[in-house]
Amino acid sequence: MKMRRRWRRLKKNGKRKNLNMVIMLVAKVEQGLTLVKLTQHFNRIKGVYQKFGQLGCADTVVNVGSHYNSDLKELANKGVSDVDTIESSLRAKGYKVESYKGYANKGDLLIYGDNNHIVIADGAGGCFGNSSSRGYAMKYGDVNYAWQNGSAPTKIIRMT
């Protein structure tokens, strides 16, 4: 409850806060964040300005993903901020990387273009990630509009 009041106060005051700070606040309140709570977590941090601005998609994915996956947490702790490293590291740990065929489970990672952009799937046709054009984290209702309008993801990393 305290987190919600603090978050509302931050939003009301219009302050731009670093995504990592907000994630840490959420983590203190919601220890053991699960995939079931992932959508709630997306909603809490959407609109938060990312420290990497236009280049923050990978940083957003590893930091948000660190709350439900220990391998993403490891990448976040290492400061990984590029799609190539995320893909190669997770592939080396045994995660399945395949061509995107139109369906993703909640928490799966979606990659666009030639590793140009990455987001987290919401399991309902949408996703969450950093908006390169806006420079902050947001929820997308359709994965085909998270990178370029009408562009579907090219790859998926199955996280489950």
N, C-alpha and C. Protein backbone atom coordinates (compact mmCIF):
# COMPACT_ATOMS: atom_id res chain seq x y z
N MET A 1 0.81 -1.19 0.00
CA MET A 1 0.00 0.00 0.00
C MET A 1 0.87 1.26 0.00
N LYS A 2 1.95 1.24 0.79
CA LYS A 2 2.85 2.40 0.82
C LYS A 2 3.44 2.66 -0.56
N MET A 3 3.76 1.57 -1.29
CA MET A 3 4.34 1.73 -2.62
C MET A 3 3.37 2.44 -3.54
N ARG A 4 2.10 2.06 -3.49
CA ARG A 4 1.11 2.69 -4.36
C ARG A 4 1.01 4.18 -4.06
N ARG A 5 0.98 4.55 -2.78
CA ARG A 5 0.90 5.97 -2.44
C ARG A 5 2.14 6.72 -2.92
N ARG A 6 3.31 6.11 -2.72
CA ARG A 6 4.55 6.75 -3.14
C ARG A 6 4.56 6.92 -4.66
N TRP A 7 4.13 5.85 -5.39
CA TRP A 7 4.11 5.91 -6.84
C TRP A 7 3.13 6.98 -7.33
N ARG A 8 1.94 7.03 -6.74
CA ARG A 8 0.97 8.05 -7.13
C ARG A 8 1.54 9.45 -6.89
N ARG A 9 2.23 9.62 -5.77
CA ARG A 9 2.81 10.93 -5.46
C ARG A 9 3.87 11.30 -6.50
N LEU A 10 4.69 10.32 -6.90
CA LEU A 10 5.70 10.59 -7.92
C LEU A 10 5.05 10.97 -9.25
N LYS A 11 3.98 10.24 -9.62
CA LYS A 11 3.29 10.54 -10.87
C LYS A 11 2.59 11.89 -10.80
N LYS A 12 1.95 12.17 -9.64
CA LYS A 12 1.22 13.42 -9.47
C LYS A 12 2.15 14.62 -9.57
N ASN A 13 3.31 14.49 -8.97
CA ASN A 13 4.28 15.58 -9.00
C ASN A 13 4.97 15.70 -10.36
N GLY A 14 4.75 14.74 -11.23
CA GLY A 14 5.32 14.79 -12.58
C GLY A 14 6.83 14.62 -12.61
N LYS A 15 7.39 14.02 -11.58
CA LYS A 15 8.84 13.86 -11.54
C LYS A 15 9.26 12.69 -12.41
N ARG A 16 10.33 12.90 -13.14
CA ARG A 16 10.91 11.82 -13.93
C ARG A 16 11.89 11.07 -13.05
N LYS A 17 11.63 9.80 -12.87
CA LYS A 17 12.49 9.00 -12.02
C LYS A 17 13.19 7.92 -12.83
N ASN A 18 14.36 7.60 -12.43
CA ASN A 18 15.13 6.56 -13.08
C ASN A 18 14.42 5.23 -12.93
N LEU A 19 14.35 4.46 -14.01
CA LEU A 19 13.67 3.18 -14.01
C LEU A 19 14.22 2.26 -12.93
N ASN A 20 15.52 2.24 -12.75
CA ASN A 20 16.11 1.35 -11.76
C ASN A 20 15.63 1.67 -10.36
N MET A 21 15.47 2.95 -10.03
CA MET A 21 14.99 3.33 -8.70
C MET A 21 13.57 2.82 -8.48
N VAL A 22 12.73 2.98 -9.49
CA VAL A 22 11.35 2.54 -9.37
C VAL A 22 11.29 1.02 -9.23
N ILE A 23 12.10 0.32 -10.00
CA ILE A 23 12.12 -1.13 -9.91
C ILE A 23 12.53 -1.58 -8.51
N MET A 24 13.53 -0.92 -7.93
CA MET A 24 13.95 -1.28 -6.58
C MET A 24 12.84 -1.03 -5.57
N LEU A 25 12.09 0.06 -5.72
CA LEU A 25 10.98 0.33 -4.81
C LEU A 25 9.92 -0.75 -4.92
N VAL A 26 9.59 -1.14 -6.13
CA VAL A 26 8.59 -2.19 -6.33
C VAL A 26 9.09 -3.50 -5.73
N ALA A 27 10.36 -3.80 -5.91
CA ALA A 27 10.93 -5.05 -5.41
C ALA A 27 10.87 -5.11 -3.89
N LYS A 28 11.08 -3.98 -3.21
CA LYS A 28 11.01 -3.96 -1.75
C LYS A 28 9.62 -4.32 -1.27
N VAL A 29 8.61 -3.83 -1.97
CA VAL A 29 7.24 -4.07 -1.55
C VAL A 29 6.76 -5.45 -1.98
N GLU A 30 7.14 -5.86 -3.16
CA GLU A 30 6.63 -7.11 -3.72
C GLU A 30 7.74 -8.14 -3.90
N GLN A 31 8.28 -8.61 -2.79
CA GLN A 31 9.27 -9.67 -2.86
C GLN A 31 8.63 -10.88 -3.52
N GLY A 32 9.39 -11.55 -4.37
CA GLY A 32 8.87 -12.74 -5.03
C GLY A 32 7.93 -12.44 -6.18
N LEU A 33 8.22 -11.40 -6.95
CA LEU A 33 7.40 -11.05 -8.11
C LEU A 33 7.34 -12.26 -9.04
N THR A 34 6.14 -12.62 -9.46
CA THR A 34 5.96 -13.77 -10.34
C THR A 34 5.41 -13.31 -11.68
N LEU A 35 5.32 -14.25 -12.61
CA LEU A 35 4.76 -13.91 -13.91
C LEU A 35 3.31 -13.45 -13.79
N VAL A 36 2.61 -13.94 -12.78
CA VAL A 36 1.23 -13.51 -12.58
C VAL A 36 1.17 -12.03 -12.26
N LYS A 37 2.16 -11.53 -11.55
CA LYS A 37 2.20 -10.12 -11.16
C LYS A 37 2.93 -9.25 -12.19
N LEU A 38 3.43 -9.85 -13.25
CA LEU A 38 4.22 -9.11 -14.23
C LEU A 38 3.45 -7.97 -14.86
N THR A 39 2.19 -8.19 -15.20
CA THR A 39 1.38 -7.13 -15.80
C THR A 39 1.22 -5.96 -14.84
N GLN A 40 1.02 -6.25 -13.56
CA GLN A 40 0.92 -5.18 -12.56
C GLN A 40 2.23 -4.41 -12.51
N HIS A 41 3.34 -5.10 -12.60
CA HIS A 41 4.66 -4.46 -12.57
C HIS A 41 4.83 -3.57 -13.79
N PHE A 42 4.40 -4.05 -14.97
CA PHE A 42 4.45 -3.23 -16.18
C PHE A 42 3.71 -1.92 -15.96
N ASN A 43 2.50 -2.03 -15.42
CA ASN A 43 1.66 -0.84 -15.23
C ASN A 43 2.28 0.15 -14.26
N ARG A 44 3.03 -0.33 -13.29
CA ARG A 44 3.63 0.57 -12.31
C ARG A 44 4.77 1.40 -12.90
N ILE A 45 5.52 0.80 -13.84
CA ILE A 45 6.70 1.53 -14.31
C ILE A 45 6.55 2.12 -15.70
N LYS A 46 5.39 1.92 -16.35
CA LYS A 46 5.25 2.52 -17.67
C LYS A 46 5.30 4.04 -17.55
N GLY A 47 5.92 4.65 -18.50
CA GLY A 47 6.07 6.10 -18.49
C GLY A 47 7.27 6.59 -17.70
N VAL A 48 8.02 5.68 -17.09
CA VAL A 48 9.20 6.07 -16.34
C VAL A 48 10.35 6.28 -17.32
N TYR A 49 10.99 7.40 -17.23
CA TYR A 49 12.07 7.70 -18.17
C TYR A 49 13.27 6.81 -17.91
N GLN A 50 13.79 6.25 -18.98
CA GLN A 50 14.88 5.30 -18.95
C GLN A 50 16.21 6.05 -19.04
N LYS A 51 17.18 5.63 -18.23
CA LYS A 51 18.46 6.33 -18.22
C LYS A 51 19.19 6.25 -19.55
N PHE A 52 18.89 5.24 -20.38
CA PHE A 52 19.54 5.13 -21.68
C PHE A 52 18.71 5.75 -22.79
N GLY A 53 17.54 6.32 -22.47
CA GLY A 53 16.70 6.99 -23.46
C GLY A 53 16.37 6.10 -24.64
N GLN A 54 16.83 6.49 -25.82
CA GLN A 54 16.51 5.74 -27.02
C GLN A 54 17.20 4.38 -27.08
N LEU A 55 18.22 4.18 -26.29
CA LEU A 55 18.95 2.92 -26.32
C LEU A 55 18.61 2.04 -25.12
N GLY A 56 17.49 2.26 -24.50
CA GLY A 56 17.17 1.59 -23.24
C GLY A 56 16.37 0.32 -23.32
N CYS A 57 16.12 -0.23 -24.51
CA CYS A 57 15.27 -1.41 -24.58
C CYS A 57 15.88 -2.61 -23.86
N ALA A 58 17.15 -2.87 -24.08
CA ALA A 58 17.80 -4.03 -23.45
C ALA A 58 17.91 -3.83 -21.93
N ASP A 59 18.24 -2.62 -21.51
CA ASP A 59 18.32 -2.33 -20.09
C ASP A 59 16.96 -2.51 -19.42
N THR A 60 15.90 -2.05 -20.06
CA THR A 60 14.55 -2.20 -19.52
C THR A 60 14.20 -3.68 -19.38
N VAL A 61 14.50 -4.48 -20.41
CA VAL A 61 14.17 -5.90 -20.39
C VAL A 61 14.91 -6.63 -19.26
N VAL A 62 16.21 -6.42 -19.12
CA VAL A 62 16.94 -7.16 -18.08
C VAL A 62 16.55 -6.69 -16.68
N ASN A 63 16.26 -5.39 -16.52
CA ASN A 63 15.89 -4.92 -15.20
C ASN A 63 14.49 -5.36 -14.79
N VAL A 64 13.52 -5.27 -15.68
CA VAL A 64 12.18 -5.76 -15.37
C VAL A 64 12.21 -7.28 -15.25
N GLY A 65 12.89 -7.94 -16.19
CA GLY A 65 12.98 -9.39 -16.17
C GLY A 65 13.71 -9.95 -14.96
N SER A 66 14.54 -9.14 -14.35
CA SER A 66 15.30 -9.61 -13.17
C SER A 66 14.38 -9.95 -12.00
N HIS A 67 13.14 -9.49 -12.06
CA HIS A 67 12.19 -9.77 -10.98
C HIS A 67 11.45 -11.09 -11.14
N TYR A 68 11.64 -11.77 -12.28
CA TYR A 68 11.00 -13.06 -12.43
C TYR A 68 11.94 -14.13 -12.98
N ASN A 69 13.18 -13.76 -13.30
CA ASN A 69 14.10 -14.73 -13.87
C ASN A 69 15.52 -14.45 -13.37
N SER A 70 16.13 -15.45 -12.76
CA SER A 70 17.46 -15.26 -12.16
C SER A 70 18.54 -15.01 -13.23
N ASP A 71 18.37 -15.57 -14.42
CA ASP A 71 19.37 -15.33 -15.48
C ASP A 71 19.31 -13.90 -16.00
N LEU A 72 18.10 -13.34 -16.08
CA LEU A 72 17.98 -11.93 -16.45
C LEU A 72 18.51 -11.04 -15.33
N LYS A 73 18.33 -11.48 -14.09
CA LYS A 73 18.88 -10.73 -12.96
C LYS A 73 20.41 -10.69 -13.04
N GLU A 74 20.99 -11.80 -13.40
CA GLU A 74 22.45 -11.85 -13.56
C GLU A 74 22.92 -10.87 -14.64
N LEU A 75 22.20 -10.84 -15.75
CA LEU A 75 22.55 -9.90 -16.83
C LEU A 75 22.37 -8.45 -16.39
N ALA A 76 21.32 -8.19 -15.61
CA ALA A 76 21.10 -6.84 -15.09
C ALA A 76 22.24 -6.43 -14.16
N ASN A 77 22.66 -7.36 -13.31
CA ASN A 77 23.76 -7.07 -12.38
C ASN A 77 25.07 -6.81 -13.11
N LYS A 78 25.24 -7.43 -14.28
CA LYS A 78 26.44 -7.21 -15.09
C LYS A 78 26.35 -5.91 -15.89
N GLY A 79 25.16 -5.30 -15.92
CA GLY A 79 24.99 -4.05 -16.66
C GLY A 79 24.82 -4.24 -18.16
N VAL A 80 24.34 -5.40 -18.56
CA VAL A 80 24.13 -5.68 -19.98
C VAL A 80 23.09 -4.71 -20.55
N SER A 81 23.42 -4.10 -21.66
CA SER A 81 22.49 -3.13 -22.26
C SER A 81 22.46 -3.25 -23.78
N ASP A 82 22.64 -4.49 -24.30
CA ASP A 82 22.51 -4.68 -25.75
C ASP A 82 21.83 -6.02 -26.03
N VAL A 83 21.08 -6.05 -27.11
CA VAL A 83 20.26 -7.22 -27.46
C VAL A 83 21.13 -8.43 -27.80
N ASP A 84 22.23 -8.23 -28.51
CA ASP A 84 23.11 -9.34 -28.90
C ASP A 84 23.60 -10.12 -27.69
N THR A 85 24.02 -9.41 -26.65
CA THR A 85 24.53 -10.06 -25.44
C THR A 85 23.42 -10.80 -24.71
N ILE A 86 22.23 -10.22 -24.66
CA ILE A 86 21.11 -10.90 -24.01
C ILE A 86 20.83 -12.21 -24.73
N GLU A 87 20.72 -12.14 -26.05
CA GLU A 87 20.42 -13.35 -26.83
C GLU A 87 21.50 -14.41 -26.67
N SER A 88 22.75 -14.04 -26.85
CA SER A 88 23.82 -15.04 -26.78
C SER A 88 23.98 -15.62 -25.38
N SER A 89 23.81 -14.80 -24.35
CA SER A 89 23.93 -15.28 -22.97
C SER A 89 22.82 -16.26 -22.63
N LEU A 90 21.60 -15.93 -23.01
CA LEU A 90 20.47 -16.82 -22.70
C LEU A 90 20.53 -18.10 -23.54
N ARG A 91 20.95 -17.98 -24.78
CA ARG A 91 21.11 -19.18 -25.62
C ARG A 91 22.14 -20.12 -24.99
N ALA A 92 23.25 -19.56 -24.51
CA ALA A 92 24.31 -20.36 -23.88
C ALA A 92 23.82 -21.05 -22.61
N LYS A 93 22.82 -20.49 -21.97
CA LYS A 93 22.25 -21.09 -20.74
C LYS A 93 21.14 -22.09 -21.06
N GLY A 94 20.87 -22.30 -22.35
CA GLY A 94 19.91 -23.33 -22.74
C GLY A 94 18.52 -22.83 -23.10
N TYR A 95 18.32 -21.52 -23.12
CA TYR A 95 17.01 -21.00 -23.52
C TYR A 95 16.83 -21.19 -25.02
N LYS A 96 15.60 -21.46 -25.41
CA LYS A 96 15.27 -21.70 -26.81
C LYS A 96 15.05 -20.37 -27.52
N VAL A 97 15.83 -20.12 -28.58
CA VAL A 97 15.67 -18.93 -29.41
C VAL A 97 15.15 -19.43 -30.76
N GLU A 98 13.99 -18.93 -31.15
CA GLU A 98 13.38 -19.41 -32.39
C GLU A 98 12.74 -18.26 -33.16
N SER A 99 12.34 -18.53 -34.38
CA SER A 99 11.63 -17.52 -35.18
C SER A 99 10.27 -17.28 -34.54
N TYR A 100 9.85 -16.04 -34.56
CA TYR A 100 8.54 -15.69 -33.99
C TYR A 100 7.45 -16.12 -34.96
N LYS A 101 6.46 -16.87 -34.42
CA LYS A 101 5.38 -17.39 -35.26
C LYS A 101 4.02 -16.85 -34.83
N GLY A 102 4.00 -15.76 -34.08
CA GLY A 102 2.73 -15.13 -33.75
C GLY A 102 2.21 -15.37 -32.35
N TYR A 103 2.92 -16.14 -31.52
CA TYR A 103 2.44 -16.38 -30.15
C TYR A 103 3.61 -16.34 -29.17
N ALA A 104 3.36 -15.70 -28.05
CA ALA A 104 4.38 -15.65 -26.99
C ALA A 104 3.69 -15.79 -25.64
N ASN A 105 4.35 -16.46 -24.73
CA ASN A 105 3.86 -16.57 -23.36
C ASN A 105 4.27 -15.33 -22.57
N LYS A 106 3.58 -15.07 -21.50
CA LYS A 106 3.93 -13.96 -20.64
C LYS A 106 5.35 -14.16 -20.13
N GLY A 107 6.18 -13.14 -20.30
CA GLY A 107 7.56 -13.20 -19.84
C GLY A 107 8.56 -13.58 -20.91
N ASP A 108 8.10 -14.10 -22.06
CA ASP A 108 9.02 -14.40 -23.17
C ASP A 108 9.59 -13.09 -23.71
N LEU A 109 10.78 -13.15 -24.28
CA LEU A 109 11.42 -11.97 -24.84
C LEU A 109 11.24 -11.96 -26.36
N LEU A 110 10.82 -10.84 -26.89
CA LEU A 110 10.60 -10.68 -28.33
C LEU A 110 11.68 -9.77 -28.90
N ILE A 111 12.30 -10.22 -29.98
CA ILE A 111 13.38 -9.47 -30.63
C ILE A 111 12.92 -9.02 -32.01
N TYR A 112 13.25 -7.79 -32.35
CA TYR A 112 12.83 -7.19 -33.63
C TYR A 112 14.03 -6.93 -34.53
N GLY A 113 13.76 -7.01 -35.86
CA GLY A 113 14.79 -6.71 -36.83
C GLY A 113 15.99 -7.63 -36.68
N ASP A 114 17.17 -7.08 -36.90
CA ASP A 114 18.41 -7.82 -36.73
C ASP A 114 18.99 -7.49 -35.36
N ASN A 115 18.24 -7.90 -34.33
CA ASN A 115 18.58 -7.60 -32.92
C ASN A 115 18.62 -6.09 -32.66
N ASN A 116 17.65 -5.38 -33.27
CA ASN A 116 17.57 -3.93 -33.10
C ASN A 116 16.76 -3.50 -31.88
N HIS A 117 15.85 -4.35 -31.42
CA HIS A 117 14.94 -3.96 -30.33
C HIS A 117 14.49 -5.21 -29.60
N ILE A 118 14.20 -5.08 -28.31
CA ILE A 118 13.75 -6.22 -27.50
C ILE A 118 12.70 -5.75 -26.50
N VAL A 119 11.69 -6.58 -26.27
CA VAL A 119 10.61 -6.29 -25.31
C VAL A 119 10.24 -7.58 -24.59
N ILE A 120 9.37 -7.46 -23.57
CA ILE A 120 8.85 -8.61 -22.84
C ILE A 120 7.39 -8.81 -23.23
N ALA A 121 7.04 -10.03 -23.64
CA ALA A 121 5.66 -10.34 -24.04
C ALA A 121 4.75 -10.37 -22.82
N ASP A 122 3.50 -9.92 -23.02
CA ASP A 122 2.53 -9.96 -21.93
C ASP A 122 1.63 -11.20 -21.98
N GLY A 123 1.81 -12.04 -23.01
CA GLY A 123 1.04 -13.27 -23.12
C GLY A 123 -0.35 -13.08 -23.70
N ALA A 124 -0.71 -11.84 -24.04
CA ALA A 124 -2.04 -11.54 -24.57
C ALA A 124 -1.95 -10.76 -25.88
N GLY A 125 -0.85 -10.89 -26.59
CA GLY A 125 -0.69 -10.20 -27.86
C GLY A 125 0.01 -8.85 -27.77
N GLY A 126 0.28 -8.40 -26.56
CA GLY A 126 0.97 -7.14 -26.34
C GLY A 126 2.33 -7.37 -25.73
N CYS A 127 2.97 -6.30 -25.31
CA CYS A 127 4.29 -6.43 -24.72
C CYS A 127 4.62 -5.17 -23.90
N PHE A 128 5.77 -5.23 -23.24
CA PHE A 128 6.24 -4.12 -22.43
C PHE A 128 7.70 -3.90 -22.74
N GLY A 129 8.08 -2.64 -22.90
CA GLY A 129 9.48 -2.33 -23.14
C GLY A 129 9.71 -0.85 -23.24
N ASN A 130 10.93 -0.50 -23.53
CA ASN A 130 11.30 0.90 -23.67
C ASN A 130 10.90 1.40 -25.06
N SER A 131 10.29 2.57 -25.11
CA SER A 131 9.97 3.20 -26.38
C SER A 131 11.19 3.99 -26.83
N SER A 132 11.81 3.55 -27.91
CA SER A 132 13.00 4.24 -28.40
C SER A 132 12.69 5.67 -28.82
N SER A 133 11.53 5.88 -29.40
CA SER A 133 11.18 7.23 -29.86
C SER A 133 10.80 8.14 -28.71
N ARG A 134 10.24 7.57 -27.65
CA ARG A 134 9.82 8.40 -26.50
C ARG A 134 10.84 8.42 -25.38
N GLY A 135 11.68 7.40 -25.31
CA GLY A 135 12.72 7.37 -24.29
C GLY A 135 12.24 6.92 -22.91
N TYR A 136 11.10 6.24 -22.85
CA TYR A 136 10.64 5.73 -21.57
C TYR A 136 9.92 4.39 -21.74
N ALA A 137 9.75 3.68 -20.64
CA ALA A 137 9.11 2.36 -20.65
C ALA A 137 7.61 2.49 -20.82
N MET A 138 7.03 1.58 -21.62
CA MET A 138 5.59 1.62 -21.83
C MET A 138 5.06 0.24 -22.22
N LYS A 139 3.74 0.10 -22.12
CA LYS A 139 3.04 -1.12 -22.51
C LYS A 139 2.46 -0.91 -23.90
N TYR A 140 2.63 -1.91 -24.75
CA TYR A 140 2.09 -1.89 -26.10
C TYR A 140 0.96 -2.91 -26.17
N GLY A 141 -0.17 -2.54 -26.72
CA GLY A 141 -1.30 -3.45 -26.84
C GLY A 141 -1.12 -4.49 -27.94
N ASP A 142 -0.20 -4.24 -28.87
CA ASP A 142 0.03 -5.12 -30.01
C ASP A 142 1.53 -5.19 -30.27
N VAL A 143 2.07 -6.42 -30.25
CA VAL A 143 3.53 -6.59 -30.45
C VAL A 143 4.00 -6.07 -31.81
N ASN A 144 3.09 -5.97 -32.76
CA ASN A 144 3.47 -5.50 -34.09
C ASN A 144 3.68 -3.99 -34.16
N TYR A 145 3.49 -3.31 -33.05
CA TYR A 145 3.69 -1.85 -33.02
C TYR A 145 4.67 -1.43 -31.92
N ALA A 146 5.50 -2.36 -31.48
CA ALA A 146 6.47 -2.05 -30.43
C ALA A 146 7.81 -1.57 -30.99
N TRP A 147 8.03 -1.76 -32.27
CA TRP A 147 9.28 -1.30 -32.86
C TRP A 147 8.98 -0.36 -34.02
N GLN A 148 8.49 -0.89 -35.09
CA GLN A 148 8.05 -0.07 -36.22
C GLN A 148 6.60 -0.45 -36.49
N ASN A 149 5.80 0.48 -36.91
CA ASN A 149 4.38 0.21 -37.12
C ASN A 149 4.19 -0.94 -38.10
N GLY A 150 3.51 -1.97 -37.62
CA GLY A 150 3.21 -3.13 -38.45
C GLY A 150 4.33 -4.14 -38.57
N SER A 151 5.40 -3.99 -37.79
CA SER A 151 6.53 -4.92 -37.86
C SER A 151 6.46 -5.93 -36.72
N ALA A 152 6.29 -7.18 -37.09
CA ALA A 152 6.24 -8.25 -36.08
C ALA A 152 7.65 -8.56 -35.59
N PRO A 153 7.75 -9.14 -34.41
CA PRO A 153 9.07 -9.58 -33.93
C PRO A 153 9.65 -10.61 -34.90
N THR A 154 10.95 -10.68 -34.97
CA THR A 154 11.60 -11.67 -35.83
C THR A 154 11.97 -12.92 -35.06
N LYS A 155 12.28 -12.77 -33.77
CA LYS A 155 12.69 -13.90 -32.93
C LYS A 155 12.01 -13.83 -31.57
N ILE A 156 12.00 -14.97 -30.91
CA ILE A 156 11.47 -15.05 -29.56
C ILE A 156 12.44 -15.89 -28.73
N ILE A 157 12.66 -15.45 -27.50
CA ILE A 157 13.43 -16.25 -26.54
C ILE A 157 12.41 -16.78 -25.54
N ARG A 158 12.23 -18.09 -25.54
CA ARG A 158 11.25 -18.74 -24.64
C ARG A 158 11.85 -18.78 -23.23
N MET A 159 11.21 -18.07 -22.32
CA MET A 159 11.73 -17.97 -20.96
C MET A 159 11.15 -19.01 -20.02
N THR A 160 10.16 -19.76 -20.49
CA THR A 160 9.54 -20.78 -19.63
C THR A 160 9.76 -22.17 -20.18
